[in-house]
Amino acid sequence: MRRSLLEIEIDVLNALRQPEKLTRLTYKTNYNASNMKILLRNMIAKGLVETRGAPGKTKDSRVQYVLTDRGREAANQINHLLLQL
């Protein structure tokens, strides 16, 4: 059964409780990397996620994705609602 976009976004919010690089995030959420890039751009535009670091040639300088305060609050509210179901 396929997951809805909302379910995938919830998975991303939960996976980003700590900063993650794109590869690790795709593993945690079991989602395609090219689609994940698009999803992350949309979540950044919504103010739920932001980036840290700058793209570079060394492994340690790659971009990490982190939740904003708004993203953290959204994740908390969604998880609270899911617990009540």
C-alpha atoms as a PDB file:
ATOM      1  CA  MET A   1       0.000   0.000   0.000  1.00  0.00           C
ATOM      2  CA  ARG A   2       1.344   3.411  -0.957  1.00  0.00           C
ATOM      3  CA  ARG A   3       1.761   6.147   1.617  1.00  0.00           C
ATOM      4  CA  SER A   4       0.095   9.492   1.132  1.00  0.00           C
ATOM      5  CA  LEU A   5       2.152  12.660   0.897  1.00  0.00           C
ATOM      6  CA  LEU A   6       0.949  13.618   4.374  1.00  0.00           C
ATOM      7  CA  GLU A   7       2.202  10.316   5.809  1.00  0.00           C
ATOM      8  CA  ILE A   8       5.592  10.849   4.174  1.00  0.00           C
ATOM      9  CA  GLU A   9       5.787  14.414   5.525  1.00  0.00           C
ATOM     10  CA  ILE A  10       5.004  13.091   9.015  1.00  0.00           C
ATOM     11  CA  ASP A  11       7.776  10.511   8.632  1.00  0.00           C
ATOM     12  CA  VAL A  12      10.204  13.276   7.604  1.00  0.00           C
ATOM     13  CA  LEU A  13       9.218  15.465  10.565  1.00  0.00           C
ATOM     14  CA  ASN A  14       9.752  12.549  12.947  1.00  0.00           C
ATOM     15  CA  ALA A  15      13.059  11.590  11.322  1.00  0.00           C
ATOM     16  CA  LEU A  16      14.351  15.144  11.679  1.00  0.00           C
ATOM     17  CA  ARG A  17      14.174  15.216  15.479  1.00  0.00           C
ATOM     18  CA  GLN A  18      17.940  15.525  15.097  1.00  0.00           C
ATOM     19  CA  PRO A  19      19.853  17.002  12.128  1.00  0.00           C
ATOM     20  CA  GLU A  20      20.242  14.570   9.225  1.00  0.00           C
ATOM     21  CA  LYS A  21      21.922  14.557   5.843  1.00  0.00           C
ATOM     22  CA  LEU A  22      19.885  13.664   2.769  1.00  0.00           C
ATOM     23  CA  THR A  23      21.133  10.084   2.486  1.00  0.00           C
ATOM     24  CA  ARG A  24      20.402   9.219   6.100  1.00  0.00           C
ATOM     25  CA  LEU A  25      16.995  10.881   5.855  1.00  0.00           C
ATOM     26  CA  THR A  26      16.058   8.824   2.798  1.00  0.00           C
ATOM     27  CA  TYR A  27      17.049   5.633   4.650  1.00  0.00           C
ATOM     28  CA  LYS A  28      15.035   6.558   7.746  1.00  0.00           C
ATOM     29  CA  THR A  29      11.910   7.395   5.764  1.00  0.00           C
ATOM     30  CA  ASN A  30      12.296   4.795   3.009  1.00  0.00           C
ATOM     31  CA  TYR A  31      11.687   7.433   0.352  1.00  0.00           C
ATOM     32  CA  ASN A  32      13.375   8.081  -3.001  1.00  0.00           C
ATOM     33  CA  ALA A  33      16.196  10.659  -2.854  1.00  0.00           C
ATOM     34  CA  SER A  34      15.093  12.692  -5.880  1.00  0.00           C
ATOM     35  CA  ASN A  35      11.531  12.903  -4.552  1.00  0.00           C
ATOM     36  CA  MET A  36      12.907  13.694  -1.091  1.00  0.00           C
ATOM     37  CA  LYS A  37      14.734  16.744  -2.482  1.00  0.00           C
ATOM     38  CA  ILE A  38      11.462  18.081  -3.879  1.00  0.00           C
ATOM     39  CA  LEU A  39       9.622  17.346  -0.646  1.00  0.00           C
ATOM     40  CA  LEU A  40      12.317  19.065   1.428  1.00  0.00           C
ATOM     41  CA  ARG A  41      12.192  22.170  -0.801  1.00  0.00           C
ATOM     42  CA  ASN A  42       8.432  22.339  -0.186  1.00  0.00           C
ATOM     43  CA  MET A  43       8.851  21.830   3.567  1.00  0.00           C
ATOM     44  CA  ILE A  44      11.516  24.561   3.637  1.00  0.00           C
ATOM     45  CA  ALA A  45       9.103  26.906   1.814  1.00  0.00           C
ATOM     46  CA  LYS A  46       6.437  26.106   4.452  1.00  0.00           C
ATOM     47  CA  GLY A  47       8.894  26.974   7.219  1.00  0.00           C
ATOM     48  CA  LEU A  48       8.977  23.451   8.698  1.00  0.00           C
ATOM     49  CA  VAL A  49      12.581  22.567   7.796  1.00  0.00           C
ATOM     50  CA  GLU A  50      15.804  24.516   7.301  1.00  0.00           C
ATOM     51  CA  THR A  51      19.298  23.659   6.141  1.00  0.00           C
ATOM     52  CA  ARG A  52      22.617  23.871   7.936  1.00  0.00           C
ATOM     53  CA  GLY A  53      26.029  23.833   6.356  1.00  0.00           C
ATOM     54  CA  ALA A  54      26.948  24.361   2.754  1.00  0.00           C
ATOM     55  CA  PRO A  55      27.440  21.906  -0.054  1.00  0.00           C
ATOM     56  CA  GLY A  56      31.083  21.026  -0.452  1.00  0.00           C
ATOM     57  CA  LYS A  57      33.470  18.306  -1.471  1.00  0.00           C
ATOM     58  CA  THR A  58      34.190  16.943   1.983  1.00  0.00           C
ATOM     59  CA  LYS A  59      31.842  14.578   3.754  1.00  0.00           C
ATOM     60  CA  ASP A  60      31.532  16.748   6.861  1.00  0.00           C
ATOM     61  CA  SER A  61      30.511  19.869   4.948  1.00  0.00           C
ATOM     62  CA  ARG A  62      27.381  18.463   3.312  1.00  0.00           C
ATOM     63  CA  VAL A  63      24.016  20.081   4.001  1.00  0.00           C
ATOM     64  CA  GLN A  64      22.090  18.880   7.014  1.00  0.00           C
ATOM     65  CA  TYR A  65      18.352  19.292   7.368  1.00  0.00           C
ATOM     66  CA  VAL A  66      16.868  20.345  10.709  1.00  0.00           C
ATOM     67  CA  LEU A  67      13.404  21.131  12.025  1.00  0.00           C
ATOM     68  CA  THR A  68      12.484  24.741  12.668  1.00  0.00           C
ATOM     69  CA  ASP A  69      10.495  25.649  15.770  1.00  0.00           C
ATOM     70  CA  ARG A  70       7.386  25.561  13.605  1.00  0.00           C
ATOM     71  CA  GLY A  71       8.319  22.095  12.300  1.00  0.00           C
ATOM     72  CA  ARG A  72       8.979  20.800  15.807  1.00  0.00           C
ATOM     73  CA  GLU A  73       5.604  22.118  16.995  1.00  0.00           C
ATOM     74  CA  ALA A  74       3.852  20.555  13.981  1.00  0.00           C
ATOM     75  CA  ALA A  75       5.514  17.195  14.668  1.00  0.00           C
ATOM     76  CA  ASN A  76       4.503  17.339  18.337  1.00  0.00           C
ATOM     77  CA  GLN A  77       0.884  18.179  17.505  1.00  0.00           C
ATOM     78  CA  ILE A  78       0.625  15.469  14.848  1.00  0.00           C
ATOM     79  CA  ASN A  79       2.093  12.837  17.167  1.00  0.00           C
ATOM     80  CA  HIS A  80      -0.280  13.923  19.934  1.00  0.00           C
ATOM     81  CA  LEU A  81      -3.249  13.540  17.572  1.00  0.00           C
ATOM     82  CA  LEU A  82      -2.050  10.121  16.394  1.00  0.00           C
ATOM     83  CA  LEU A  83      -1.777   8.908  19.973  1.00  0.00           C
ATOM     84  CA  GLN A  84      -5.423   9.774  20.550  1.00  0.00           C
ATOM     85  CA  LEU A  85      -6.655   7.645  17.641  1.00  0.00           C
END
